[in-house]
Amino acid sequence: MDIKTVWARVSNLYGKEYFAAAAVQAENTIKFLIRYTDGIDTDMRILFKGKQYNITSIDNIKYANKFIEIKATEVDTDG
């Protein structure tokens, strides 16, 4: 069931973030930057370009309620 459709800036991890994720085999982690919206939690999934992503962290940037950075890991559908 879709909860909300939003516009997002999507980027791969790089630098320190990438190497930290690779250390725990989470190299399929992507960052989504969206406008602030209430009610997003880590029990939800993101659907992006036909792939599902589990939300691993949510950052209300500077607690300003303007933007949220979400880190999410691709769901392995191969089993």
PDB file of N, CA and C in Angstrom:
ATOM      1  N   MET A   1       0.840  -1.174   0.000  1.00  0.00           N
ATOM      2  CA  MET A   1       0.000   0.000   0.000  1.00  0.00           C
ATOM      3  C   MET A   1       0.891   1.246   0.000  1.00  0.00           C
ATOM      4  N   ASP A   2       0.697   2.116  -0.961  1.00  0.00           N
ATOM      5  CA  ASP A   2       1.455   3.367  -1.009  1.00  0.00           C
ATOM      6  C   ASP A   2       0.916   4.323   0.042  1.00  0.00           C
ATOM      7  N   ILE A   3       1.827   4.953   0.767  1.00  0.00           N
ATOM      8  CA  ILE A   3       1.458   5.942   1.777  1.00  0.00           C
ATOM      9  C   ILE A   3       1.530   7.342   1.192  1.00  0.00           C
ATOM     10  N   LYS A   4       2.647   7.631   0.499  1.00  0.00           N
ATOM     11  CA  LYS A   4       2.860   8.975  -0.026  1.00  0.00           C
ATOM     12  C   LYS A   4       3.835   8.915  -1.193  1.00  0.00           C
ATOM     13  N   THR A   5       3.604   9.758  -2.190  1.00  0.00           N
ATOM     14  CA  THR A   5       4.535   9.914  -3.301  1.00  0.00           C
ATOM     15  C   THR A   5       5.159  11.294  -3.180  1.00  0.00           C
ATOM     16  N   VAL A   6       6.495  11.346  -3.195  1.00  0.00           N
ATOM     17  CA  VAL A   6       7.197  12.623  -3.032  1.00  0.00           C
ATOM     18  C   VAL A   6       8.337  12.726  -4.040  1.00  0.00           C
ATOM     19  N   TRP A   7       8.767  13.955  -4.287  1.00  0.00           N
ATOM     20  CA  TRP A   7       9.959  14.207  -5.086  1.00  0.00           C
ATOM     21  C   TRP A   7      11.169  14.049  -4.180  1.00  0.00           C
ATOM     22  N   ALA A   8      12.265  13.542  -4.734  1.00  0.00           N
ATOM     23  CA  ALA A   8      13.464  13.332  -3.929  1.00  0.00           C
ATOM     24  C   ALA A   8      14.716  13.544  -4.764  1.00  0.00           C
ATOM     25  N   ARG A   9      15.761  14.004  -4.087  1.00  0.00           N
ATOM     26  CA  ARG A   9      17.101  13.983  -4.692  1.00  0.00           C
ATOM     27  C   ARG A   9      17.719  12.678  -4.222  1.00  0.00           C
ATOM     28  N   VAL A  10      18.198  11.896  -5.151  1.00  0.00           N
ATOM     29  CA  VAL A  10      18.730  10.571  -4.838  1.00  0.00           C
ATOM     30  C   VAL A  10      20.207  10.555  -5.163  1.00  0.00           C
ATOM     31  N   SER A  11      21.009  10.006  -4.228  1.00  0.00           N
ATOM     32  CA  SER A  11      22.443   9.911  -4.475  1.00  0.00           C
ATOM     33  C   SER A  11      23.010   8.667  -3.816  1.00  0.00           C
ATOM     34  N   ASN A  12      24.087   8.178  -4.391  1.00  0.00           N
ATOM     35  CA  ASN A  12      24.805   7.056  -3.802  1.00  0.00           C
ATOM     36  C   ASN A  12      25.669   7.557  -2.661  1.00  0.00           C
ATOM     37  N   LEU A  13      26.063   6.644  -1.805  1.00  0.00           N
ATOM     38  CA  LEU A  13      27.013   7.006  -0.758  1.00  0.00           C
ATOM     39  C   LEU A  13      28.397   7.135  -1.381  1.00  0.00           C
ATOM     40  N   TYR A  14      29.213   7.983  -0.799  1.00  0.00           N
ATOM     41  CA  TYR A  14      30.582   8.136  -1.271  1.00  0.00           C
ATOM     42  C   TYR A  14      31.464   8.501  -0.087  1.00  0.00           C
ATOM     43  N   GLY A  15      32.753   8.362  -0.279  1.00  0.00           N
ATOM     44  CA  GLY A  15      33.708   8.710   0.774  1.00  0.00           C
ATOM     45  C   GLY A  15      33.538   7.850   2.014  1.00  0.00           C
ATOM     46  N   LYS A  16      33.593   8.487   3.172  1.00  0.00           N
ATOM     47  CA  LYS A  16      33.513   7.785   4.456  1.00  0.00           C
ATOM     48  C   LYS A  16      32.211   7.009   4.603  1.00  0.00           C
ATOM     49  N   GLU A  17      31.118   7.587   4.137  1.00  0.00           N
ATOM     50  CA  GLU A  17      29.821   6.907   4.250  1.00  0.00           C
ATOM     51  C   GLU A  17      29.826   5.594   3.475  1.00  0.00           C
ATOM     52  N   TYR A  18      30.406   5.613   2.272  1.00  0.00           N
ATOM     53  CA  TYR A  18      30.445   4.403   1.453  1.00  0.00           C
ATOM     54  C   TYR A  18      31.263   3.316   2.123  1.00  0.00           C
ATOM     55  N   PHE A  19      32.439   3.671   2.615  1.00  0.00           N
ATOM     56  CA  PHE A  19      33.307   2.669   3.228  1.00  0.00           C
ATOM     57  C   PHE A  19      32.723   2.128   4.533  1.00  0.00           C
ATOM     58  N   ALA A  20      32.014   2.966   5.282  1.00  0.00           N
ATOM     59  CA  ALA A  20      31.346   2.501   6.498  1.00  0.00           C
ATOM     60  C   ALA A  20      30.242   1.509   6.140  1.00  0.00           C
ATOM     61  N   ALA A  21      29.483   1.786   5.083  1.00  0.00           N
ATOM     62  CA  ALA A  21      28.421   0.876   4.649  1.00  0.00           C
ATOM     63  C   ALA A  21      29.010  -0.423   4.101  1.00  0.00           C
ATOM     64  N   ALA A  22      30.090  -0.325   3.348  1.00  0.00           N
ATOM     65  CA  ALA A  22      30.722  -1.515   2.777  1.00  0.00           C
ATOM     66  C   ALA A  22      31.261  -2.431   3.863  1.00  0.00           C
ATOM     67  N   ALA A  23      31.659  -1.865   4.994  1.00  0.00           N
ATOM     68  CA  ALA A  23      32.189  -2.664   6.093  1.00  0.00           C
ATOM     69  C   ALA A  23      31.135  -3.602   6.667  1.00  0.00           C
ATOM     70  N   VAL A  24      29.866  -3.252   6.522  1.00  0.00           N
ATOM     71  CA  VAL A  24      28.785  -4.113   7.018  1.00  0.00           C
ATOM     72  C   VAL A  24      27.957  -4.683   5.857  1.00  0.00           C
ATOM     73  N   GLN A  25      28.560  -4.793   4.678  1.00  0.00           N
ATOM     74  CA  GLN A  25      27.921  -5.329   3.482  1.00  0.00           C
ATOM     75  C   GLN A  25      26.609  -4.622   3.150  1.00  0.00           C
ATOM     76  N   ALA A  26      26.569  -3.305   3.335  1.00  0.00           N
ATOM     77  CA  ALA A  26      25.383  -2.523   2.982  1.00  0.00           C
ATOM     78  C   ALA A  26      25.714  -1.575   1.846  1.00  0.00           C
ATOM     79  N   GLU A  27      26.480  -2.090   0.860  1.00  0.00           N
ATOM     80  CA  GLU A  27      26.933  -1.212  -0.215  1.00  0.00           C
ATOM     81  C   GLU A  27      25.821  -0.785  -1.155  1.00  0.00           C
ATOM     82  N   ASN A  28      24.646  -1.385  -1.062  1.00  0.00           N
ATOM     83  CA  ASN A  28      23.510  -0.961  -1.882  1.00  0.00           C
ATOM     84  C   ASN A  28      22.673   0.077  -1.143  1.00  0.00           C
ATOM     85  N   THR A  29      23.340   0.929  -0.378  1.00  0.00           N
ATOM     86  CA  THR A  29      22.651   1.972   0.374  1.00  0.00           C
ATOM     87  C   THR A  29      22.596   3.250  -0.449  1.00  0.00           C
ATOM     88  N   ILE A  30      21.430   3.884  -0.439  1.00  0.00           N
ATOM     89  CA  ILE A  30      21.202   5.114  -1.192  1.00  0.00           C
ATOM     90  C   ILE A  30      20.653   6.168  -0.244  1.00  0.00           C
ATOM     91  N   LYS A  31      20.964   7.440  -0.533  1.00  0.00           N
ATOM     92  CA  LYS A  31      20.415   8.556   0.237  1.00  0.00           C
ATOM     93  C   LYS A  31      19.312   9.227  -0.564  1.00  0.00           C
ATOM     94  N   PHE A  32      18.217   9.506   0.120  1.00  0.00           N
ATOM     95  CA  PHE A  32      17.095  10.232  -0.462  1.00  0.00           C
ATOM     96  C   PHE A  32      16.927  11.516   0.341  1.00  0.00           C
ATOM     97  N   LEU A  33      16.866  12.635  -0.330  1.00  0.00           N
ATOM     98  CA  LEU A  33      16.612  13.921   0.329  1.00  0.00           C
ATOM     99  C   LEU A  33      15.235  14.389  -0.119  1.00  0.00           C
ATOM    100  N   ILE A  34      14.332  14.552   0.861  1.00  0.00           N
ATOM    101  CA  ILE A  34      12.972  14.985   0.551  1.00  0.00           C
ATOM    102  C   ILE A  34      12.602  16.173   1.423  1.00  0.00           C
ATOM    103  N   ARG A  35      11.553  16.877   1.020  1.00  0.00           N
ATOM    104  CA  ARG A  35      11.016  17.930   1.883  1.00  0.00           C
ATOM    105  C   ARG A  35      10.439  17.272   3.124  1.00  0.00           C
ATOM    106  N   TYR A  36      10.463  17.997   4.223  1.00  0.00           N
ATOM    107  CA  TYR A  36       9.972  17.464   5.485  1.00  0.00           C
ATOM    108  C   TYR A  36       8.523  17.012   5.353  1.00  0.00           C
ATOM    109  N   THR A  37       8.261  15.834   5.847  1.00  0.00           N
ATOM    110  CA  THR A  37       6.908  15.314   5.948  1.00  0.00           C
ATOM    111  C   THR A  37       6.837  14.480   7.216  1.00  0.00           C
ATOM    112  N   ASP A  38       5.776  14.622   7.940  1.00  0.00           N
ATOM    113  CA  ASP A  38       5.618  13.927   9.207  1.00  0.00           C
ATOM    114  C   ASP A  38       5.183  12.484   8.975  1.00  0.00           C
ATOM    115  N   GLY A  39       5.559  11.595   9.867  1.00  0.00           N
ATOM    116  CA  GLY A  39       5.038  10.238   9.842  1.00  0.00           C
ATOM    117  C   GLY A  39       5.904   9.202   9.154  1.00  0.00           C
ATOM    118  N   ILE A  40       7.075   9.564   8.676  1.00  0.00           N
ATOM    119  CA  ILE A  40       7.962   8.584   8.046  1.00  0.00           C
ATOM    120  C   ILE A  40       8.740   7.872   9.150  1.00  0.00           C
ATOM    121  N   ASP A  41       8.806   6.533   9.056  1.00  0.00           N
ATOM    122  CA  ASP A  41       9.579   5.789  10.046  1.00  0.00           C
ATOM    123  C   ASP A  41      10.308   4.619   9.389  1.00  0.00           C
ATOM    124  N   THR A  42      11.143   3.953  10.166  1.00  0.00           N
ATOM    125  CA  THR A  42      12.001   2.895   9.636  1.00  0.00           C
ATOM    126  C   THR A  42      11.253   1.591   9.359  1.00  0.00           C
ATOM    127  N   ASP A  43       9.964   1.536   9.676  1.00  0.00           N
ATOM    128  CA  ASP A  43       9.165   0.353   9.332  1.00  0.00           C
ATOM    129  C   ASP A  43       8.659   0.420   7.896  1.00  0.00           C
ATOM    130  N   MET A  44       8.875   1.540   7.236  1.00  0.00           N
ATOM    131  CA  MET A  44       8.391   1.748   5.869  1.00  0.00           C
ATOM    132  C   MET A  44       9.464   1.362   4.854  1.00  0.00           C
ATOM    133  N   ARG A  45       9.028   1.227   3.605  1.00  0.00           N
ATOM    134  CA  ARG A  45       9.943   0.976   2.494  1.00  0.00           C
ATOM    135  C   ARG A  45       9.770   2.061   1.451  1.00  0.00           C
ATOM    136  N   ILE A  46      10.812   2.251   0.670  1.00  0.00           N
ATOM    137  CA  ILE A  46      10.790   3.204  -0.440  1.00  0.00           C
ATOM    138  C   ILE A  46      10.796   2.408  -1.738  1.00  0.00           C
ATOM    139  N   LEU A  47       9.957   2.803  -2.674  1.00  0.00           N
ATOM    140  CA  LEU A  47       9.956   2.220  -4.007  1.00  0.00           C
ATOM    141  C   LEU A  47      10.551   3.254  -4.949  1.00  0.00           C
ATOM    142  N   PHE A  48      11.694   2.901  -5.571  1.00  0.00           N
ATOM    143  CA  PHE A  48      12.400   3.824  -6.460  1.00  0.00           C
ATOM    144  C   PHE A  48      12.883   3.048  -7.673  1.00  0.00           C
ATOM    145  N   LYS A  49      12.448   3.456  -8.840  1.00  0.00           N
ATOM    146  CA  LYS A  49      12.827   2.827 -10.111  1.00  0.00           C
ATOM    147  C   LYS A  49      12.601   1.317 -10.087  1.00  0.00           C
ATOM    148  N   GLY A  50      11.460   0.914  -9.551  1.00  0.00           N
ATOM    149  CA  GLY A  50      11.100  -0.493  -9.551  1.00  0.00           C
ATOM    150  C   GLY A  50      11.779  -1.343  -8.493  1.00  0.00           C
ATOM    151  N   LYS A  51      12.607  -0.746  -7.650  1.00  0.00           N
ATOM    152  CA  LYS A  51      13.291  -1.484  -6.583  1.00  0.00           C
ATOM    153  C   LYS A  51      12.792  -1.002  -5.232  1.00  0.00           C
ATOM    154  N   GLN A  52      12.796  -1.912  -4.257  1.00  0.00           N
ATOM    155  CA  GLN A  52      12.380  -1.565  -2.910  1.00  0.00           C
ATOM    156  C   GLN A  52      13.605  -1.366  -2.024  1.00  0.00           C
ATOM    157  N   TYR A  53      13.478  -0.405  -1.106  1.00  0.00           N
ATOM    158  CA  TYR A  53      14.564  -0.079  -0.186  1.00  0.00           C
ATOM    159  C   TYR A  53      14.024  -0.025   1.239  1.00  0.00           C
ATOM    160  N   ASN A  54      14.710  -0.695   2.160  1.00  0.00           N
ATOM    161  CA  ASN A  54      14.387  -0.605   3.582  1.00  0.00           C
ATOM    162  C   ASN A  54      15.017   0.658   4.149  1.00  0.00           C
ATOM    163  N   ILE A  55      14.238   1.442   4.871  1.00  0.00           N
ATOM    164  CA  ILE A  55      14.766   2.661   5.492  1.00  0.00           C
ATOM    165  C   ILE A  55      15.618   2.271   6.693  1.00  0.00           C
ATOM    166  N   THR A  56      16.872   2.732   6.705  1.00  0.00           N
ATOM    167  CA  THR A  56      17.767   2.415   7.815  1.00  0.00           C
ATOM    168  C   THR A  56      17.972   3.595   8.755  1.00  0.00           C
ATOM    169  N   SER A  57      17.857   4.826   8.236  1.00  0.00           N
ATOM    170  CA  SER A  57      17.975   5.998   9.107  1.00  0.00           C
ATOM    171  C   SER A  57      17.233   7.181   8.510  1.00  0.00           C
ATOM    172  N   ILE A  58      16.751   8.034   9.406  1.00  0.00           N
ATOM    173  CA  ILE A  58      16.002   9.230   9.019  1.00  0.00           C
ATOM    174  C   ILE A  58      16.599  10.409   9.770  1.00  0.00           C
ATOM    175  N   ASP A  59      16.998  11.447   9.042  1.00  0.00           N
ATOM    176  CA  ASP A  59      17.612  12.619   9.660  1.00  0.00           C
ATOM    177  C   ASP A  59      16.818  13.874   9.297  1.00  0.00           C
ATOM    178  N   ASN A  60      16.142  14.442  10.282  1.00  0.00           N
ATOM    179  CA  ASN A  60      15.460  15.735  10.115  1.00  0.00           C
ATOM    180  C   ASN A  60      16.585  16.771  10.205  1.00  0.00           C
ATOM    181  N   ILE A  61      17.080  17.213   9.069  1.00  0.00           N
ATOM    182  CA  ILE A  61      18.299  18.023   9.002  1.00  0.00           C
ATOM    183  C   ILE A  61      18.179  19.268   9.862  1.00  0.00           C
ATOM    184  N   LYS A  62      19.088  19.382  10.813  1.00  0.00           N
ATOM    185  CA  LYS A  62      19.182  20.497  11.767  1.00  0.00           C
ATOM    186  C   LYS A  62      17.868  20.736  12.523  1.00  0.00           C
ATOM    187  N   TYR A  63      17.015  19.720  12.590  1.00  0.00           N
ATOM    188  CA  TYR A  63      15.718  19.807  13.276  1.00  0.00           C
ATOM    189  C   TYR A  63      14.904  21.022  12.814  1.00  0.00           C
ATOM    190  N   ALA A  64      15.095  21.404  11.557  1.00  0.00           N
ATOM    191  CA  ALA A  64      14.439  22.593  11.024  1.00  0.00           C
ATOM    192  C   ALA A  64      13.078  22.293  10.391  1.00  0.00           C
ATOM    193  N   ASN A  65      12.719  21.008  10.293  1.00  0.00           N
ATOM    194  CA  ASN A  65      11.458  20.591   9.663  1.00  0.00           C
ATOM    195  C   ASN A  65      11.325  21.127   8.238  1.00  0.00           C
ATOM    196  N   LYS A  66      12.447  21.176   7.511  1.00  0.00           N
ATOM    197  CA  LYS A  66      12.433  21.605   6.110  1.00  0.00           C
ATOM    198  C   LYS A  66      12.773  20.457   5.175  1.00  0.00           C
ATOM    199  N   PHE A  67      13.817  19.676   5.526  1.00  0.00           N
ATOM    200  CA  PHE A  67      14.257  18.554   4.698  1.00  0.00           C
ATOM    201  C   PHE A  67      14.556  17.353   5.579  1.00  0.00           C
ATOM    202  N   ILE A  68      14.381  16.173   4.994  1.00  0.00           N
ATOM    203  CA  ILE A  68      14.715  14.920   5.662  1.00  0.00           C
ATOM    204  C   ILE A  68      15.666  14.159   4.755  1.00  0.00           C
ATOM    205  N   GLU A  69      16.759  13.648   5.339  1.00  0.00           N
ATOM    206  CA  GLU A  69      17.661  12.771   4.606  1.00  0.00           C
ATOM    207  C   GLU A  69      17.391  11.352   5.081  1.00  0.00           C
ATOM    208  N   ILE A  70      17.072  10.495   4.132  1.00  0.00           N
ATOM    209  CA  ILE A  70      16.767   9.105   4.443  1.00  0.00           C
ATOM    210  C   ILE A  70      17.839   8.225   3.814  1.00  0.00           C
ATOM    211  N   LYS A  71      18.410   7.335   4.617  1.00  0.00           N
ATOM    212  CA  LYS A  71      19.322   6.330   4.078  1.00  0.00           C
ATOM    213  C   LYS A  71      18.555   5.024   4.036  1.00  0.00           C
ATOM    214  N   ALA A  72      18.666   4.330   2.906  1.00  0.00           N
ATOM    215  CA  ALA A  72      17.909   3.098   2.718  1.00  0.00           C
ATOM    216  C   ALA A  72      18.748   2.085   1.961  1.00  0.00           C
ATOM    217  N   THR A  73      18.533   0.812   2.286  1.00  0.00           N
ATOM    218  CA  THR A  73      19.279  -0.279   1.689  1.00  0.00           C
ATOM    219  C   THR A  73      18.358  -1.077   0.778  1.00  0.00           C
ATOM    220  N   GLU A  74      18.874  -1.418  -0.397  1.00  0.00           N
ATOM    221  CA  GLU A  74      18.074  -2.160  -1.372  1.00  0.00           C
ATOM    222  C   GLU A  74      17.673  -3.519  -0.808  1.00  0.00           C
ATOM    223  N   VAL A  75      16.410  -3.869  -1.022  1.00  0.00           N
ATOM    224  CA  VAL A  75      15.891  -5.160  -0.581  1.00  0.00           C
ATOM    225  C   VAL A  75      16.350  -6.230  -1.560  1.00  0.00           C
ATOM    226  N   ASP A  76      16.902  -7.304  -1.022  1.00  0.00           N
ATOM    227  CA  ASP A  76      17.351  -8.417  -1.846  1.00  0.00           C
ATOM    228  C   ASP A  76      16.153  -9.293  -2.186  1.00  0.00           C
ATOM    229  N   THR A  77      15.687  -9.206  -3.424  1.00  0.00           N
ATOM    230  CA  THR A  77      14.500  -9.975  -3.815  1.00  0.00           C
ATOM    231  C   THR A  77      14.857 -11.358  -4.336  1.00  0.00           C
ATOM    232  N   ASP A  78      16.168 -11.668  -4.398  1.00  0.00           N
ATOM    233  CA  ASP A  78      16.599 -12.975  -4.879  1.00  0.00           C
ATOM    234  C   ASP A  78      16.438 -14.067  -3.830  1.00  0.00           C
ATOM    235  N   GLY A  79      16.192 -13.642  -2.578  1.00  0.00           N
ATOM    236  CA  GLY A  79      15.964 -14.610  -1.525  1.00  0.00           C
ATOM    237  C   GLY A  79      17.207 -14.924  -0.807  1.00  0.00           C
TER     238      GLY A  79
END
